[in-house]
Amino acid sequence: MEKAAEKKSKRTQRDYTLGFKLAVVAEVEQGDLTYKQAQKKYGIQGRSTVLVWLRKHGRLTWDFNPSAMPQTPNQRIKELEAQLAAAEKRAKEAELKAKLLDTIIDVAEGQMGIQIRKKPLAKPSNTSARKGK
């Protein structure tokens, strides 16, 4: 029977005043409660409601971004080695692709007897450039 008296009624979204939110955030940041304990104590239904309040109204940083953490020299070396290996792989693939295309064009030119590759355009002479002006 004591547990039933201690149990708080569920609250609605409109019940959460700014003062209430700040009080809950202060309790959690002081270490008196975890965010889950605060949810249970105050009858807050949403799973992430207290976390949202902590991010919005709290003084501590609650965002964890592993990529923003500084890397050790060994981690940086491994990352750069991986980038270098990927760049070398792309360069090899591009070289093979160029060789393949050249071979295909050579075979096509030989079998069909026509010129597929275009010759570079000749530069216009000075006299023709003057005529256009």
C-alpha atoms as a PDB file:
ATOM      1  CA  MET A   1       0.000   0.000   0.000  1.00  0.00           C
ATOM      2  CA  GLU A   2       2.927   2.332   0.669  1.00  0.00           C
ATOM      3  CA  LYS A   3       4.201   1.839  -2.865  1.00  0.00           C
ATOM      4  CA  ALA A   4       0.870   2.892  -4.317  1.00  0.00           C
ATOM      5  CA  ALA A   5       0.980   6.138  -2.326  1.00  0.00           C
ATOM      6  CA  GLU A   6       4.560   6.841  -3.436  1.00  0.00           C
ATOM      7  CA  LYS A   7       3.729   6.235  -7.075  1.00  0.00           C
ATOM      8  CA  LYS A   8       3.239   9.521  -8.936  1.00  0.00           C
ATOM      9  CA  SER A   9       0.622   9.918 -11.624  1.00  0.00           C
ATOM     10  CA  LYS A  10       1.742  10.140 -15.210  1.00  0.00           C
ATOM     11  CA  ARG A  11       2.266  13.663 -16.444  1.00  0.00           C
ATOM     12  CA  THR A  12       1.336  15.210 -19.757  1.00  0.00           C
ATOM     13  CA  GLN A  13       3.582  17.296 -21.974  1.00  0.00           C
ATOM     14  CA  ARG A  14       1.884  20.516 -20.853  1.00  0.00           C
ATOM     15  CA  ASP A  15       2.781  19.919 -17.206  1.00  0.00           C
ATOM     16  CA  TYR A  16       6.475  20.492 -17.801  1.00  0.00           C
ATOM     17  CA  THR A  17       7.202  24.120 -16.974  1.00  0.00           C
ATOM     18  CA  LEU A  18      10.606  25.628 -17.587  1.00  0.00           C
ATOM     19  CA  GLY A  19      11.250  25.722 -13.836  1.00  0.00           C
ATOM     20  CA  PHE A  20      10.421  22.028 -13.539  1.00  0.00           C
ATOM     21  CA  LYS A  21      12.714  21.164 -16.430  1.00  0.00           C
ATOM     22  CA  LEU A  22      15.575  23.179 -14.951  1.00  0.00           C
ATOM     23  CA  ALA A  23      15.086  21.532 -11.543  1.00  0.00           C
ATOM     24  CA  VAL A  24      15.245  18.050 -13.088  1.00  0.00           C
ATOM     25  CA  VAL A  25      18.317  19.006 -15.128  1.00  0.00           C
ATOM     26  CA  ALA A  26      20.032  20.375 -12.010  1.00  0.00           C
ATOM     27  CA  GLU A  27      19.371  17.170 -10.070  1.00  0.00           C
ATOM     28  CA  VAL A  28      20.786  15.020 -12.851  1.00  0.00           C
ATOM     29  CA  GLU A  29      23.838  17.234 -13.405  1.00  0.00           C
ATOM     30  CA  GLN A  30      24.607  17.299  -9.668  1.00  0.00           C
ATOM     31  CA  GLY A  31      24.643  13.518  -9.710  1.00  0.00           C
ATOM     32  CA  ASP A  32      21.695  13.099  -7.351  1.00  0.00           C
ATOM     33  CA  LEU A  33      19.788  11.095  -9.970  1.00  0.00           C
ATOM     34  CA  THR A  34      20.433   9.441 -13.288  1.00  0.00           C
ATOM     35  CA  TYR A  35      18.180  10.549 -16.108  1.00  0.00           C
ATOM     36  CA  LYS A  36      16.262   7.270 -15.873  1.00  0.00           C
ATOM     37  CA  GLN A  37      15.779   7.695 -12.124  1.00  0.00           C
ATOM     38  CA  ALA A  38      14.482  11.234 -12.750  1.00  0.00           C
ATOM     39  CA  GLN A  39      12.004   9.844 -15.285  1.00  0.00           C
ATOM     40  CA  LYS A  40      10.668   7.379 -12.746  1.00  0.00           C
ATOM     41  CA  LYS A  41      10.671   9.824  -9.829  1.00  0.00           C
ATOM     42  CA  TYR A  42       8.727  12.527 -11.660  1.00  0.00           C
ATOM     43  CA  GLY A  43       6.576  10.275 -13.877  1.00  0.00           C
ATOM     44  CA  ILE A  44       8.060  11.525 -17.145  1.00  0.00           C
ATOM     45  CA  GLN A  45       6.778   9.266 -19.916  1.00  0.00           C
ATOM     46  CA  GLY A  46       9.122   9.963 -22.834  1.00  0.00           C
ATOM     47  CA  ARG A  47      12.270   7.886 -22.959  1.00  0.00           C
ATOM     48  CA  SER A  48      14.463  10.709 -24.182  1.00  0.00           C
ATOM     49  CA  THR A  49      12.636  13.689 -22.701  1.00  0.00           C
ATOM     50  CA  VAL A  50      15.121  14.215 -19.861  1.00  0.00           C
ATOM     51  CA  LEU A  51      18.040  13.775 -22.249  1.00  0.00           C
ATOM     52  CA  VAL A  52      16.602  16.447 -24.521  1.00  0.00           C
ATOM     53  CA  TRP A  53      16.267  18.775 -21.530  1.00  0.00           C
ATOM     54  CA  LEU A  54      19.871  18.054 -20.531  1.00  0.00           C
ATOM     55  CA  ARG A  55      21.127  18.924 -23.998  1.00  0.00           C
ATOM     56  CA  LYS A  56      18.977  22.028 -24.227  1.00  0.00           C
ATOM     57  CA  HIS A  57      19.155  23.460 -20.701  1.00  0.00           C
ATOM     58  CA  GLY A  58      22.130  21.740 -19.096  1.00  0.00           C
ATOM     59  CA  ARG A  59      25.587  23.140 -18.525  1.00  0.00           C
ATOM     60  CA  LEU A  60      27.417  19.949 -19.407  1.00  0.00           C
ATOM     61  CA  THR A  61      28.131  18.625 -22.888  1.00  0.00           C
ATOM     62  CA  TRP A  62      26.007  15.543 -23.468  1.00  0.00           C
ATOM     63  CA  ASP A  63      26.917  14.969 -27.104  1.00  0.00           C
ATOM     64  CA  PHE A  64      29.407  12.167 -27.640  1.00  0.00           C
ATOM     65  CA  ASN A  65      31.132  12.351 -30.995  1.00  0.00           C
ATOM     66  CA  PRO A  66      34.045   9.881 -31.236  1.00  0.00           C
ATOM     67  CA  SER A  67      35.293  11.453 -34.472  1.00  0.00           C
ATOM     68  CA  ALA A  68      35.731  14.798 -32.674  1.00  0.00           C
ATOM     69  CA  MET A  69      38.063  13.272 -30.088  1.00  0.00           C
ATOM     70  CA  PRO A  70      41.780  13.821 -30.704  1.00  0.00           C
ATOM     71  CA  GLN A  71      43.570  10.856 -32.205  1.00  0.00           C
ATOM     72  CA  THR A  72      46.737   9.320 -30.915  1.00  0.00           C
ATOM     73  CA  PRO A  73      49.709   9.429 -33.311  1.00  0.00           C
ATOM     74  CA  ASN A  74      49.354   5.681 -33.969  1.00  0.00           C
ATOM     75  CA  GLN A  75      45.659   6.058 -34.814  1.00  0.00           C
ATOM     76  CA  ARG A  76      46.461   8.953 -37.173  1.00  0.00           C
ATOM     77  CA  ILE A  77      49.206   6.898 -38.868  1.00  0.00           C
ATOM     78  CA  LYS A  78      46.814   3.966 -39.389  1.00  0.00           C
ATOM     79  CA  GLU A  79      44.162   6.305 -40.814  1.00  0.00           C
ATOM     80  CA  LEU A  80      46.642   7.896 -43.231  1.00  0.00           C
ATOM     81  CA  GLU A  81      47.981   4.486 -44.291  1.00  0.00           C
ATOM     82  CA  ALA A  82      44.442   3.341 -45.049  1.00  0.00           C
ATOM     83  CA  GLN A  83      43.801   6.503 -47.105  1.00  0.00           C
ATOM     84  CA  LEU A  84      47.069   5.969 -48.996  1.00  0.00           C
ATOM     85  CA  ALA A  85      46.225   2.326 -49.736  1.00  0.00           C
ATOM     86  CA  ALA A  86      42.794   3.344 -51.031  1.00  0.00           C
ATOM     87  CA  ALA A  87      44.327   6.059 -53.254  1.00  0.00           C
ATOM     88  CA  GLU A  88      46.879   3.597 -54.655  1.00  0.00           C
ATOM     89  CA  LYS A  89      44.095   1.103 -55.392  1.00  0.00           C
ATOM     90  CA  ARG A  90      42.076   3.767 -57.244  1.00  0.00           C
ATOM     91  CA  ALA A  91      45.159   4.789 -59.249  1.00  0.00           C
ATOM     92  CA  LYS A  92      45.832   1.173 -60.278  1.00  0.00           C
ATOM     93  CA  GLU A  93      42.196   0.709 -61.280  1.00  0.00           C
ATOM     94  CA  ALA A  94      42.270   3.912 -63.359  1.00  0.00           C
ATOM     95  CA  GLU A  95      45.481   2.798 -65.078  1.00  0.00           C
ATOM     96  CA  LEU A  96      44.003  -0.629 -65.888  1.00  0.00           C
ATOM     97  CA  LYS A  97      40.830   0.995 -67.194  1.00  0.00           C
ATOM     98  CA  ALA A  98      42.855   3.295 -69.484  1.00  0.00           C
ATOM     99  CA  LYS A  99      44.862   0.330 -70.812  1.00  0.00           C
ATOM    100  CA  LEU A 100      41.677  -1.652 -71.408  1.00  0.00           C
ATOM    101  CA  LEU A 101      40.052   1.208 -73.325  1.00  0.00           C
ATOM    102  CA  ASP A 102      43.194   1.717 -75.436  1.00  0.00           C
ATOM    103  CA  THR A 103      43.274  -1.995 -76.267  1.00  0.00           C
ATOM    104  CA  ILE A 104      39.586  -2.011 -77.197  1.00  0.00           C
ATOM    105  CA  ILE A 105      40.065   0.998 -79.492  1.00  0.00           C
ATOM    106  CA  ASP A 106      43.159  -0.575 -81.098  1.00  0.00           C
ATOM    107  CA  VAL A 107      41.281  -3.832 -81.788  1.00  0.00           C
ATOM    108  CA  ALA A 108      38.250  -1.968 -83.146  1.00  0.00           C
ATOM    109  CA  GLU A 109      40.413   0.198 -85.427  1.00  0.00           C
ATOM    110  CA  GLY A 110      42.243  -2.903 -86.692  1.00  0.00           C
ATOM    111  CA  GLN A 111      39.138  -4.958 -87.361  1.00  0.00           C
ATOM    112  CA  MET A 112      37.004  -2.205 -88.847  1.00  0.00           C
ATOM    113  CA  GLY A 113      39.779  -0.417 -90.677  1.00  0.00           C
ATOM    114  CA  ILE A 114      38.608   3.013 -89.513  1.00  0.00           C
ATOM    115  CA  GLN A 115      40.217   5.612 -87.358  1.00  0.00           C
ATOM    116  CA  ILE A 116      38.390   6.034 -84.044  1.00  0.00           C
ATOM    117  CA  ARG A 117      40.836   8.332 -82.293  1.00  0.00           C
ATOM    118  CA  LYS A 118      40.743  11.886 -83.533  1.00  0.00           C
ATOM    119  CA  LYS A 119      43.893  13.712 -84.421  1.00  0.00           C
ATOM    120  CA  PRO A 120      44.571  16.831 -82.373  1.00  0.00           C
ATOM    121  CA  LEU A 121      43.370  20.011 -84.049  1.00  0.00           C
ATOM    122  CA  ALA A 122      46.016  22.166 -85.665  1.00  0.00           C
ATOM    123  CA  LYS A 123      46.475  25.675 -84.325  1.00  0.00           C
ATOM    124  CA  PRO A 124      45.042  28.334 -86.628  1.00  0.00           C
ATOM    125  CA  SER A 125      47.647  30.413 -88.423  1.00  0.00           C
ATOM    126  CA  ASN A 126      48.044  34.095 -87.686  1.00  0.00           C
ATOM    127  CA  THR A 127      46.685  35.058 -91.098  1.00  0.00           C
ATOM    128  CA  SER A 128      43.372  33.263 -90.574  1.00  0.00           C
ATOM    129  CA  ALA A 129      43.004  34.817 -87.136  1.00  0.00           C
ATOM    130  CA  ARG A 130      43.481  38.297 -88.625  1.00  0.00           C
ATOM    131  CA  LYS A 131      40.810  37.697 -91.275  1.00  0.00           C
ATOM    132  CA  GLY A 132      38.185  37.018 -88.606  1.00  0.00           C
ATOM    133  CA  LYS A 133      38.775  40.412 -86.980  1.00  0.00           C
END
